[in-house]
Amino acid sequence: MAMGLTISSSTAFLVFVLYGAYHLFENYFIVPKVYGKKLELSTLVVLLAIMAGGLVAGIPGAIAILPFAAAYPAIERIFLTDKLEPDTVRKHEQMNNGAQK
């Protein structure tokens, strides 16, 4: 945007709008689709995880949170089975298998 100001204020505004539109498109469409396919997470989970990680730790947090979100089903199965309702893990696995079909 600062470089656009060297030309004119309307150019700076146009740069600002296009840059913002690109980032909105990337953050709400491209990133959830790409990470969702690779990590087998829903688009909503990817979006919420990135937003939460970004709020907590900025850009490094937004990047680092996705592997943790993808690892949650394994953590639930290994460590939380005895702390949850008896059939919770089975229900979550069935929901996950149904979503992948």
PDB file of N, CA and C in Angstrom:
ATOM      1  N   MET A   1       0.831  -1.176   0.000  1.00  0.00           N
ATOM      2  CA  MET A   1       0.000   0.000   0.000  1.00  0.00           C
ATOM      3  C   MET A   1       0.880   1.247   0.000  1.00  0.00           C
ATOM      4  N   ALA A   2       1.976   1.222   0.750  1.00  0.00           N
ATOM      5  CA  ALA A   2       2.866   2.375   0.801  1.00  0.00           C
ATOM      6  C   ALA A   2       3.454   2.669  -0.578  1.00  0.00           C
ATOM      7  N   MET A   3       3.752   1.617  -1.328  1.00  0.00           N
ATOM      8  CA  MET A   3       4.279   1.832  -2.672  1.00  0.00           C
ATOM      9  C   MET A   3       3.213   2.432  -3.586  1.00  0.00           C
ATOM     10  N   GLY A   4       1.966   2.054  -3.370  1.00  0.00           N
ATOM     11  CA  GLY A   4       0.879   2.623  -4.147  1.00  0.00           C
ATOM     12  C   GLY A   4       0.705   4.108  -3.878  1.00  0.00           C
ATOM     13  N   LEU A   5       1.035   4.529  -2.654  1.00  0.00           N
ATOM     14  CA  LEU A   5       0.947   5.952  -2.324  1.00  0.00           C
ATOM     15  C   LEU A   5       1.960   6.783  -3.095  1.00  0.00           C
ATOM     16  N   THR A   6       3.039   6.158  -3.550  1.00  0.00           N
ATOM     17  CA  THR A   6       4.017   6.915  -4.339  1.00  0.00           C
ATOM     18  C   THR A   6       3.454   7.295  -5.702  1.00  0.00           C
ATOM     19  N   ILE A   7       2.399   6.573  -6.146  1.00  0.00           N
ATOM     20  CA  ILE A   7       1.774   6.888  -7.440  1.00  0.00           C
ATOM     21  C   ILE A   7       0.584   7.811  -7.222  1.00  0.00           C
ATOM     22  N   SER A   8      -0.392   7.344  -6.441  1.00  0.00           N
ATOM     23  CA  SER A   8      -1.557   8.177  -6.123  1.00  0.00           C
ATOM     24  C   SER A   8      -2.338   7.511  -5.004  1.00  0.00           C
ATOM     25  N   SER A   9      -3.243   8.252  -4.419  1.00  0.00           N
ATOM     26  CA  SER A   9      -4.053   7.699  -3.334  1.00  0.00           C
ATOM     27  C   SER A   9      -5.042   6.657  -3.863  1.00  0.00           C
ATOM     28  N   SER A  10      -5.538   6.842  -5.082  1.00  0.00           N
ATOM     29  CA  SER A  10      -6.458   5.853  -5.645  1.00  0.00           C
ATOM     30  C   SER A  10      -5.722   4.540  -5.947  1.00  0.00           C
ATOM     31  N   THR A  11      -4.466   4.611  -6.363  1.00  0.00           N
ATOM     32  CA  THR A  11      -3.678   3.394  -6.580  1.00  0.00           C
ATOM     33  C   THR A  11      -3.434   2.682  -5.258  1.00  0.00           C
ATOM     34  N   ALA A  12      -3.136   3.442  -4.217  1.00  0.00           N
ATOM     35  CA  ALA A  12      -2.928   2.850  -2.889  1.00  0.00           C
ATOM     36  C   ALA A  12      -4.199   2.167  -2.409  1.00  0.00           C
ATOM     37  N   PHE A  13      -5.340   2.787  -2.629  1.00  0.00           N
ATOM     38  CA  PHE A  13      -6.612   2.194  -2.233  1.00  0.00           C
ATOM     39  C   PHE A  13      -6.878   0.915  -3.016  1.00  0.00           C
ATOM     40  N   LEU A  14      -6.601   0.928  -4.311  1.00  0.00           N
ATOM     41  CA  LEU A  14      -6.798  -0.249  -5.144  1.00  0.00           C
ATOM     42  C   LEU A  14      -5.887  -1.398  -4.692  1.00  0.00           C
ATOM     43  N   VAL A  15      -4.635  -1.084  -4.391  1.00  0.00           N
ATOM     44  CA  VAL A  15      -3.708  -2.098  -3.880  1.00  0.00           C
ATOM     45  C   VAL A  15      -4.236  -2.679  -2.571  1.00  0.00           C
ATOM     46  N   PHE A  16      -4.718  -1.819  -1.686  1.00  0.00           N
ATOM     47  CA  PHE A  16      -5.266  -2.256  -0.402  1.00  0.00           C
ATOM     48  C   PHE A  16      -6.457  -3.193  -0.598  1.00  0.00           C
ATOM     49  N   VAL A  17      -7.373  -2.836  -1.474  1.00  0.00           N
ATOM     50  CA  VAL A  17      -8.572  -3.655  -1.723  1.00  0.00           C
ATOM     51  C   VAL A  17      -8.196  -4.998  -2.349  1.00  0.00           C
ATOM     52  N   LEU A  18      -7.346  -4.983  -3.362  1.00  0.00           N
ATOM     53  CA  LEU A  18      -6.957  -6.233  -4.024  1.00  0.00           C
ATOM     54  C   LEU A  18      -6.157  -7.144  -3.090  1.00  0.00           C
ATOM     55  N   TYR A  19      -5.272  -6.563  -2.305  1.00  0.00           N
ATOM     56  CA  TYR A  19      -4.483  -7.344  -1.345  1.00  0.00           C
ATOM     57  C   TYR A  19      -5.408  -7.984  -0.308  1.00  0.00           C
ATOM     58  N   GLY A  20      -6.366  -7.208   0.189  1.00  0.00           N
ATOM     59  CA  GLY A  20      -7.325  -7.739   1.158  1.00  0.00           C
ATOM     60  C   GLY A  20      -8.193  -8.828   0.565  1.00  0.00           C
ATOM     61  N   ALA A  21      -8.656  -8.631  -0.670  1.00  0.00           N
ATOM     62  CA  ALA A  21      -9.483  -9.645  -1.330  1.00  0.00           C
ATOM     63  C   ALA A  21      -8.702 -10.938  -1.541  1.00  0.00           C
ATOM     64  N   TYR A  22      -7.441 -10.807  -1.948  1.00  0.00           N
ATOM     65  CA  TYR A  22      -6.606 -12.001  -2.131  1.00  0.00           C
ATOM     66  C   TYR A  22      -6.455 -12.762  -0.825  1.00  0.00           C
ATOM     67  N   HIS A  23      -6.174 -12.054   0.258  1.00  0.00           N
ATOM     68  CA  HIS A  23      -5.985 -12.745   1.543  1.00  0.00           C
ATOM     69  C   HIS A  23      -7.283 -13.370   2.046  1.00  0.00           C
ATOM     70  N   LEU A  24      -8.397 -12.724   1.852  1.00  0.00           N
ATOM     71  CA  LEU A  24      -9.671 -13.335   2.237  1.00  0.00           C
ATOM     72  C   LEU A  24      -9.911 -14.617   1.445  1.00  0.00           C
ATOM     73  N   PHE A  25      -9.662 -14.563   0.139  1.00  0.00           N
ATOM     74  CA  PHE A  25      -9.841 -15.746  -0.701  1.00  0.00           C
ATOM     75  C   PHE A  25      -8.907 -16.865  -0.266  1.00  0.00           C
ATOM     76  N   GLU A  26      -7.655 -16.529  -0.024  1.00  0.00           N
ATOM     77  CA  GLU A  26      -6.674 -17.535   0.391  1.00  0.00           C
ATOM     78  C   GLU A  26      -7.038 -18.147   1.742  1.00  0.00           C
ATOM     79  N   ASN A  27      -7.360 -17.306   2.709  1.00  0.00           N
ATOM     80  CA  ASN A  27      -7.600 -17.796   4.071  1.00  0.00           C
ATOM     81  C   ASN A  27      -8.914 -18.547   4.227  1.00  0.00           C
ATOM     82  N   TYR A  28      -9.930 -18.191   3.466  1.00  0.00           N
ATOM     83  CA  TYR A  28     -11.229 -18.827   3.651  1.00  0.00           C
ATOM     84  C   TYR A  28     -11.559 -19.889   2.609  1.00  0.00           C
ATOM     85  N   PHE A  29     -10.783 -19.970   1.521  1.00  0.00           N
ATOM     86  CA  PHE A  29     -11.081 -20.970   0.499  1.00  0.00           C
ATOM     87  C   PHE A  29      -9.900 -21.887   0.205  1.00  0.00           C
ATOM     88  N   ILE A  30      -8.752 -21.324  -0.115  1.00  0.00           N
ATOM     89  CA  ILE A  30      -7.616 -22.150  -0.526  1.00  0.00           C
ATOM     90  C   ILE A  30      -7.041 -22.946   0.642  1.00  0.00           C
ATOM     91  N   VAL A  31      -6.689 -22.264   1.725  1.00  0.00           N
ATOM     92  CA  VAL A  31      -6.044 -22.936   2.861  1.00  0.00           C
ATOM     93  C   VAL A  31      -6.925 -24.033   3.449  1.00  0.00           C
ATOM     94  N   PRO A  32      -8.205 -23.794   3.737  1.00  0.00           N
ATOM     95  CA  PRO A  32      -9.011 -24.892   4.280  1.00  0.00           C
ATOM     96  C   PRO A  32      -9.124 -26.095   3.337  1.00  0.00           C
ATOM     97  N   LYS A  33      -9.217 -25.855   2.037  1.00  0.00           N
ATOM     98  CA  LYS A  33      -9.322 -26.977   1.096  1.00  0.00           C
ATOM     99  C   LYS A  33      -8.031 -27.779   1.049  1.00  0.00           C
ATOM    100  N   VAL A  34      -6.904 -27.092   0.949  1.00  0.00           N
ATOM    101  CA  VAL A  34      -5.613 -27.782   0.847  1.00  0.00           C
ATOM    102  C   VAL A  34      -5.304 -28.527   2.138  1.00  0.00           C
ATOM    103  N   TYR A  35      -5.376 -27.824   3.267  1.00  0.00           N
ATOM    104  CA  TYR A  35      -5.077 -28.484   4.537  1.00  0.00           C
ATOM    105  C   TYR A  35      -6.124 -29.535   4.871  1.00  0.00           C
ATOM    106  N   GLY A  36      -7.368 -29.276   4.520  1.00  0.00           N
ATOM    107  CA  GLY A  36      -8.423 -30.245   4.792  1.00  0.00           C
ATOM    108  C   GLY A  36      -8.199 -31.565   4.079  1.00  0.00           C
ATOM    109  N   LYS A  37      -7.735 -31.523   2.827  1.00  0.00           N
ATOM    110  CA  LYS A  37      -7.477 -32.763   2.081  1.00  0.00           C
ATOM    111  C   LYS A  37      -6.262 -33.489   2.623  1.00  0.00           C
ATOM    112  N   LYS A  38      -5.187 -32.773   2.894  1.00  0.00           N
ATOM    113  CA  LYS A  38      -3.952 -33.410   3.350  1.00  0.00           C
ATOM    114  C   LYS A  38      -4.085 -33.958   4.763  1.00  0.00           C
ATOM    115  N   LEU A  39      -4.745 -33.234   5.643  1.00  0.00           N
ATOM    116  CA  LEU A  39      -4.852 -33.641   7.043  1.00  0.00           C
ATOM    117  C   LEU A  39      -6.153 -34.374   7.345  1.00  0.00           C
ATOM    118  N   GLU A  40      -7.007 -34.512   6.343  1.00  0.00           N
ATOM    119  CA  GLU A  40      -8.316 -35.160   6.490  1.00  0.00           C
ATOM    120  C   GLU A  40      -9.152 -34.506   7.585  1.00  0.00           C
ATOM    121  N   LEU A  41      -9.180 -33.176   7.565  1.00  0.00           N
ATOM    122  CA  LEU A  41      -9.984 -32.403   8.493  1.00  0.00           C
ATOM    123  C   LEU A  41     -11.048 -31.658   7.704  1.00  0.00           C
ATOM    124  N   SER A  42     -12.166 -31.383   8.346  1.00  0.00           N
ATOM    125  CA  SER A  42     -13.205 -30.622   7.666  1.00  0.00           C
ATOM    126  C   SER A  42     -12.746 -29.178   7.484  1.00  0.00           C
ATOM    127  N   THR A  43     -13.349 -28.499   6.531  1.00  0.00           N
ATOM    128  CA  THR A  43     -13.012 -27.110   6.254  1.00  0.00           C
ATOM    129  C   THR A  43     -13.248 -26.238   7.480  1.00  0.00           C
ATOM    130  N   LEU A  44     -14.337 -26.500   8.192  1.00  0.00           N
ATOM    131  CA  LEU A  44     -14.651 -25.726   9.387  1.00  0.00           C
ATOM    132  C   LEU A  44     -13.589 -25.914  10.460  1.00  0.00           C
ATOM    133  N   VAL A  45     -13.145 -27.142  10.672  1.00  0.00           N
ATOM    134  CA  VAL A  45     -12.118 -27.407  11.682  1.00  0.00           C
ATOM    135  C   VAL A  45     -10.821 -26.698  11.315  1.00  0.00           C
ATOM    136  N   VAL A  46     -10.440 -26.748  10.047  1.00  0.00           N
ATOM    137  CA  VAL A  46      -9.212 -26.070   9.607  1.00  0.00           C
ATOM    138  C   VAL A  46      -9.332 -24.575   9.848  1.00  0.00           C
ATOM    139  N   LEU A  47     -10.441 -23.988   9.443  1.00  0.00           N
ATOM    140  CA  LEU A  47     -10.642 -22.557   9.598  1.00  0.00           C
ATOM    141  C   LEU A  47     -10.623 -22.150  11.071  1.00  0.00           C
ATOM    142  N   LEU A  48     -11.338 -22.881  11.912  1.00  0.00           N
ATOM    143  CA  LEU A  48     -11.372 -22.555  13.342  1.00  0.00           C
ATOM    144  C   LEU A  48     -10.014 -22.757  13.994  1.00  0.00           C
ATOM    145  N   ALA A  49      -9.300 -23.811  13.612  1.00  0.00           N
ATOM    146  CA  ALA A  49      -7.975 -24.059  14.181  1.00  0.00           C
ATOM    147  C   ALA A  49      -7.007 -22.946  13.797  1.00  0.00           C
ATOM    148  N   ILE A  50      -7.030 -22.529  12.534  1.00  0.00           N
ATOM    149  CA  ILE A  50      -6.140 -21.451  12.090  1.00  0.00           C
ATOM    150  C   ILE A  50      -6.482 -20.152  12.816  1.00  0.00           C
ATOM    151  N   MET A  51      -7.762 -19.867  12.965  1.00  0.00           N
ATOM    152  CA  MET A  51      -8.160 -18.645  13.667  1.00  0.00           C
ATOM    153  C   MET A  51      -7.737 -18.696  15.127  1.00  0.00           C
ATOM    154  N   ALA A  52      -7.943 -19.830  15.781  1.00  0.00           N
ATOM    155  CA  ALA A  52      -7.560 -19.953  17.189  1.00  0.00           C
ATOM    156  C   ALA A  52      -6.046 -19.869  17.364  1.00  0.00           C
ATOM    157  N   GLY A  53      -5.308 -20.576  16.528  1.00  0.00           N
ATOM    158  CA  GLY A  53      -3.855 -20.513  16.597  1.00  0.00           C
ATOM    159  C   GLY A  53      -3.334 -19.120  16.315  1.00  0.00           C
ATOM    160  N   GLY A  54      -3.954 -18.440  15.373  1.00  0.00           N
ATOM    161  CA  GLY A  54      -3.561 -17.069  15.054  1.00  0.00           C
ATOM    162  C   GLY A  54      -3.843 -16.106  16.185  1.00  0.00           C
ATOM    163  N   LEU A  55      -4.975 -16.286  16.849  1.00  0.00           N
ATOM    164  CA  LEU A  55      -5.295 -15.420  17.984  1.00  0.00           C
ATOM    165  C   LEU A  55      -4.336 -15.641  19.151  1.00  0.00           C
ATOM    166  N   VAL A  56      -3.967 -16.885  19.372  1.00  0.00           N
ATOM    167  CA  VAL A  56      -3.108 -17.198  20.515  1.00  0.00           C
ATOM    168  C   VAL A  56      -1.648 -16.825  20.252  1.00  0.00           C
ATOM    169  N   ALA A  57      -1.136 -17.166  19.077  1.00  0.00           N
ATOM    170  CA  ALA A  57       0.300 -17.003  18.850  1.00  0.00           C
ATOM    171  C   ALA A  57       0.647 -16.372  17.500  1.00  0.00           C
ATOM    172  N   GLY A  58      -0.297 -15.736  16.856  1.00  0.00           N
ATOM    173  CA  GLY A  58      -0.005 -15.073  15.591  1.00  0.00           C
ATOM    174  C   GLY A  58       0.219 -16.063  14.459  1.00  0.00           C
ATOM    175  N   ILE A  59       1.031 -15.681  13.485  1.00  0.00           N
ATOM    176  CA  ILE A  59       1.277 -16.518  12.312  1.00  0.00           C
ATOM    177  C   ILE A  59       1.902 -17.861  12.677  1.00  0.00           C
ATOM    178  N   PRO A  60       2.918 -17.898  13.551  1.00  0.00           N
ATOM    179  CA  PRO A  60       3.460 -19.221  13.917  1.00  0.00           C
ATOM    180  C   PRO A  60       2.408 -20.126  14.560  1.00  0.00           C
ATOM    181  N   GLY A  61       1.529 -19.554  15.356  1.00  0.00           N
ATOM    182  CA  GLY A  61       0.467 -20.342  15.976  1.00  0.00           C
ATOM    183  C   GLY A  61      -0.524 -20.876  14.969  1.00  0.00           C
ATOM    184  N   ALA A  62      -0.858 -20.063  13.960  1.00  0.00           N
ATOM    185  CA  ALA A  62      -1.790 -20.495  12.925  1.00  0.00           C
ATOM    186  C   ALA A  62      -1.217 -21.646  12.114  1.00  0.00           C
ATOM    187  N   ILE A  63       0.081 -21.627  11.895  1.00  0.00           N
ATOM    188  CA  ILE A  63       0.723 -22.707  11.146  1.00  0.00           C
ATOM    189  C   ILE A  63       0.889 -23.951  12.007  1.00  0.00           C
ATOM    190  N   ALA A  64       1.293 -23.762  13.256  1.00  0.00           N
ATOM    191  CA  ALA A  64       1.614 -24.897  14.129  1.00  0.00           C
ATOM    192  C   ALA A  64       0.386 -25.633  14.654  1.00  0.00           C
ATOM    193  N   ILE A  65      -0.775 -25.010  14.652  1.00  0.00           N
ATOM    194  CA  ILE A  65      -1.950 -25.623  15.269  1.00  0.00           C
ATOM    195  C   ILE A  65      -2.530 -26.766  14.442  1.00  0.00           C
ATOM    196  N   LEU A  66      -2.360 -26.747  13.128  1.00  0.00           N
ATOM    197  CA  LEU A  66      -3.000 -27.754  12.283  1.00  0.00           C
ATOM    198  C   LEU A  66      -2.537 -29.186  12.561  1.00  0.00           C
ATOM    199  N   PRO A  67      -1.264 -29.448  12.752  1.00  0.00           N
ATOM    200  CA  PRO A  67      -0.890 -30.823  13.110  1.00  0.00           C
ATOM    201  C   PRO A  67      -1.512 -31.287  14.426  1.00  0.00           C
ATOM    202  N   PHE A  68      -1.656 -30.358  15.373  1.00  0.00           N
ATOM    203  CA  PHE A  68      -2.299 -30.728  16.638  1.00  0.00           C
ATOM    204  C   PHE A  68      -3.777 -31.033  16.441  1.00  0.00           C
ATOM    205  N   ALA A  69      -4.437 -30.243  15.603  1.00  0.00           N
ATOM    206  CA  ALA A  69      -5.851 -30.506  15.308  1.00  0.00           C
ATOM    207  C   ALA A  69      -6.012 -31.843  14.592  1.00  0.00           C
ATOM    208  N   ALA A  70      -5.087 -32.163  13.697  1.00  0.00           N
ATOM    209  CA  ALA A  70      -5.155 -33.440  12.975  1.00  0.00           C
ATOM    210  C   ALA A  70      -4.853 -34.614  13.887  1.00  0.00           C
ATOM    211  N   ALA A  71      -4.056 -34.383  14.929  1.00  0.00           N
ATOM    212  CA  ALA A  71      -3.675 -35.460  15.843  1.00  0.00           C
ATOM    213  C   ALA A  71      -4.733 -35.718  16.919  1.00  0.00           C
ATOM    214  N   TYR A  72      -5.720 -34.843  17.054  1.00  0.00           N
ATOM    215  CA  TYR A  72      -6.695 -35.006  18.129  1.00  0.00           C
ATOM    216  C   TYR A  72      -7.412 -36.358  18.126  1.00  0.00           C
ATOM    217  N   PRO A  73      -7.854 -36.885  16.991  1.00  0.00           N
ATOM    218  CA  PRO A  73      -8.517 -38.200  17.048  1.00  0.00           C
ATOM    219  C   PRO A  73      -7.628 -39.290  17.647  1.00  0.00           C
ATOM    220  N   ALA A  74      -6.345 -39.270  17.347  1.00  0.00           N
ATOM    221  CA  ALA A  74      -5.438 -40.265  17.929  1.00  0.00           C
ATOM    222  C   ALA A  74      -5.262 -40.020  19.420  1.00  0.00           C
ATOM    223  N   ILE A  75      -5.166 -38.768  19.818  1.00  0.00           N
ATOM    224  CA  ILE A  75      -5.039 -38.441  21.246  1.00  0.00           C
ATOM    225  C   ILE A  75      -6.283 -38.885  21.989  1.00  0.00           C
ATOM    226  N   GLU A  76      -7.445 -38.645  21.396  1.00  0.00           N
ATOM    227  CA  GLU A  76      -8.697 -39.056  22.014  1.00  0.00           C
ATOM    228  C   GLU A  76      -8.747 -40.575  22.179  1.00  0.00           C
ATOM    229  N   ARG A  77      -8.354 -41.295  21.141  1.00  0.00           N
ATOM    230  CA  ARG A  77      -8.399 -42.754  21.158  1.00  0.00           C
ATOM    231  C   ARG A  77      -7.414 -43.343  22.171  1.00  0.00           C
ATOM    232  N   ILE A  78      -6.234 -42.765  22.284  1.00  0.00           N
ATOM    233  CA  ILE A  78      -5.196 -43.328  23.148  1.00  0.00           C
ATOM    234  C   ILE A  78      -5.341 -42.881  24.598  1.00  0.00           C
ATOM    235  N   PHE A  79      -5.503 -41.583  24.815  1.00  0.00           N
ATOM    236  CA  PHE A  79      -5.431 -41.052  26.172  1.00  0.00           C
ATOM    237  C   PHE A  79      -6.772 -40.728  26.814  1.00  0.00           C
ATOM    238  N   LEU A  80      -7.805 -40.463  26.032  1.00  0.00           N
ATOM    239  CA  LEU A  80      -9.055 -39.965  26.609  1.00  0.00           C
ATOM    240  C   LEU A  80     -10.192 -40.979  26.628  1.00  0.00           C
ATOM    241  N   THR A  81      -9.969 -42.169  26.119  1.00  0.00           N
ATOM    242  CA  THR A  81     -11.036 -43.157  26.036  1.00  0.00           C
ATOM    243  C   THR A  81     -11.678 -43.427  27.396  1.00  0.00           C
ATOM    244  N   ASP A  82     -10.882 -43.584  28.427  1.00  0.00           N
ATOM    245  CA  ASP A  82     -11.438 -43.901  29.745  1.00  0.00           C
ATOM    246  C   ASP A  82     -12.045 -42.686  30.440  1.00  0.00           C
ATOM    247  N   LYS A  83     -11.814 -41.481  29.947  1.00  0.00           N
ATOM    248  CA  LYS A  83     -12.366 -40.273  30.560  1.00  0.00           C
ATOM    249  C   LYS A  83     -13.654 -39.802  29.882  1.00  0.00           C
ATOM    250  N   LEU A  84     -13.984 -40.386  28.740  1.00  0.00           N
ATOM    251  CA  LEU A  84     -15.185 -40.010  27.995  1.00  0.00           C
ATOM    252  C   LEU A  84     -16.287 -41.034  28.215  1.00  0.00           C
ATOM    253  N   GLU A  85     -17.461 -40.708  27.710  1.00  0.00           N
ATOM    254  CA  GLU A  85     -18.559 -41.668  27.761  1.00  0.00           C
ATOM    255  C   GLU A  85     -18.124 -42.958  27.055  1.00  0.00           C
ATOM    256  N   PRO A  86     -18.677 -44.103  27.424  1.00  0.00           N
ATOM    257  CA  PRO A  86     -18.181 -45.384  26.908  1.00  0.00           C
ATOM    258  C   PRO A  86     -18.122 -45.516  25.387  1.00  0.00           C
ATOM    259  N   ASP A  87     -19.066 -44.967  24.652  1.00  0.00           N
ATOM    260  CA  ASP A  87     -19.071 -45.169  23.202  1.00  0.00           C
ATOM    261  C   ASP A  87     -18.707 -43.914  22.406  1.00  0.00           C
ATOM    262  N   THR A  88     -18.118 -42.914  23.046  1.00  0.00           N
ATOM    263  CA  THR A  88     -17.794 -41.657  22.372  1.00  0.00           C
ATOM    264  C   THR A  88     -16.774 -41.846  21.263  1.00  0.00           C
ATOM    265  N   VAL A  89     -15.699 -42.555  21.537  1.00  0.00           N
ATOM    266  CA  VAL A  89     -14.649 -42.755  20.531  1.00  0.00           C
ATOM    267  C   VAL A  89     -15.209 -43.521  19.340  1.00  0.00           C
ATOM    268  N   ARG A  90     -16.029 -44.532  19.600  1.00  0.00           N
ATOM    269  CA  ARG A  90     -16.628 -45.306  18.514  1.00  0.00           C
ATOM    270  C   ARG A  90     -17.527 -44.417  17.652  1.00  0.00           C
ATOM    271  N   LYS A  91     -18.314 -43.551  18.276  1.00  0.00           N
ATOM    272  CA  LYS A  91     -19.187 -42.643  17.535  1.00  0.00           C
ATOM    273  C   LYS A  91     -18.367 -41.660  16.687  1.00  0.00           C
ATOM    274  N   HIS A  92     -17.299 -41.147  17.269  1.00  0.00           N
ATOM    275  CA  HIS A  92     -16.449 -40.210  16.514  1.00  0.00           C
ATOM    276  C   HIS A  92     -15.799 -40.900  15.323  1.00  0.00           C
ATOM    277  N   GLU A  93     -15.363 -42.127  15.497  1.00  0.00           N
ATOM    278  CA  GLU A  93     -14.765 -42.877  14.379  1.00  0.00           C
ATOM    279  C   GLU A  93     -15.799 -43.139  13.297  1.00  0.00           C
ATOM    280  N   GLN A  94     -17.026 -43.465  13.683  1.00  0.00           N
ATOM    281  CA  GLN A  94     -18.073 -43.679  12.697  1.00  0.00           C
ATOM    282  C   GLN A  94     -18.405 -42.385  11.953  1.00  0.00           C
ATOM    283  N   MET A  95     -18.432 -41.263  12.655  1.00  0.00           N
ATOM    284  CA  MET A  95     -18.698 -39.986  12.005  1.00  0.00           C
ATOM    285  C   MET A  95     -17.567 -39.655  11.030  1.00  0.00           C
ATOM    286  N   ASN A  96     -16.344 -39.918  11.421  1.00  0.00           N
ATOM    287  CA  ASN A  96     -15.196 -39.638  10.557  1.00  0.00           C
ATOM    288  C   ASN A  96     -15.213 -40.534   9.328  1.00  0.00           C
ATOM    289  N   ASN A  97     -15.532 -41.807   9.498  1.00  0.00           N
ATOM    290  CA  ASN A  97     -15.593 -42.737   8.353  1.00  0.00           C
ATOM    291  C   ASN A  97     -16.732 -42.350   7.416  1.00  0.00           C
ATOM    292  N   GLY A  98     -17.832 -41.888   7.950  1.00  0.00           N
ATOM    293  CA  GLY A  98     -18.953 -41.469   7.129  1.00  0.00           C
ATOM    294  C   GLY A  98     -18.638 -40.206   6.340  1.00  0.00           C
ATOM    295  N   ALA A  99     -17.855 -39.294   6.916  1.00  0.00           N
ATOM    296  CA  ALA A  99     -17.509 -38.050   6.248  1.00  0.00           C
ATOM    297  C   ALA A  99     -16.496 -38.279   5.120  1.00  0.00           C
ATOM    298  N   GLN A 100     -15.686 -39.324   5.219  1.00  0.00           N
ATOM    299  CA  GLN A 100     -14.667 -39.590   4.208  1.00  0.00           C
ATOM    300  C   GLN A 100     -15.230 -40.265   2.972  1.00  0.00           C
ATOM    301  N   LYS A 101     -16.397 -40.884   3.068  1.00  0.00           N
ATOM    302  CA  LYS A 101     -16.982 -41.608   1.928  1.00  0.00           C
ATOM    303  C   LYS A 101     -17.543 -40.671   0.906  1.00  0.00           C
TER     304      LYS A 101
END
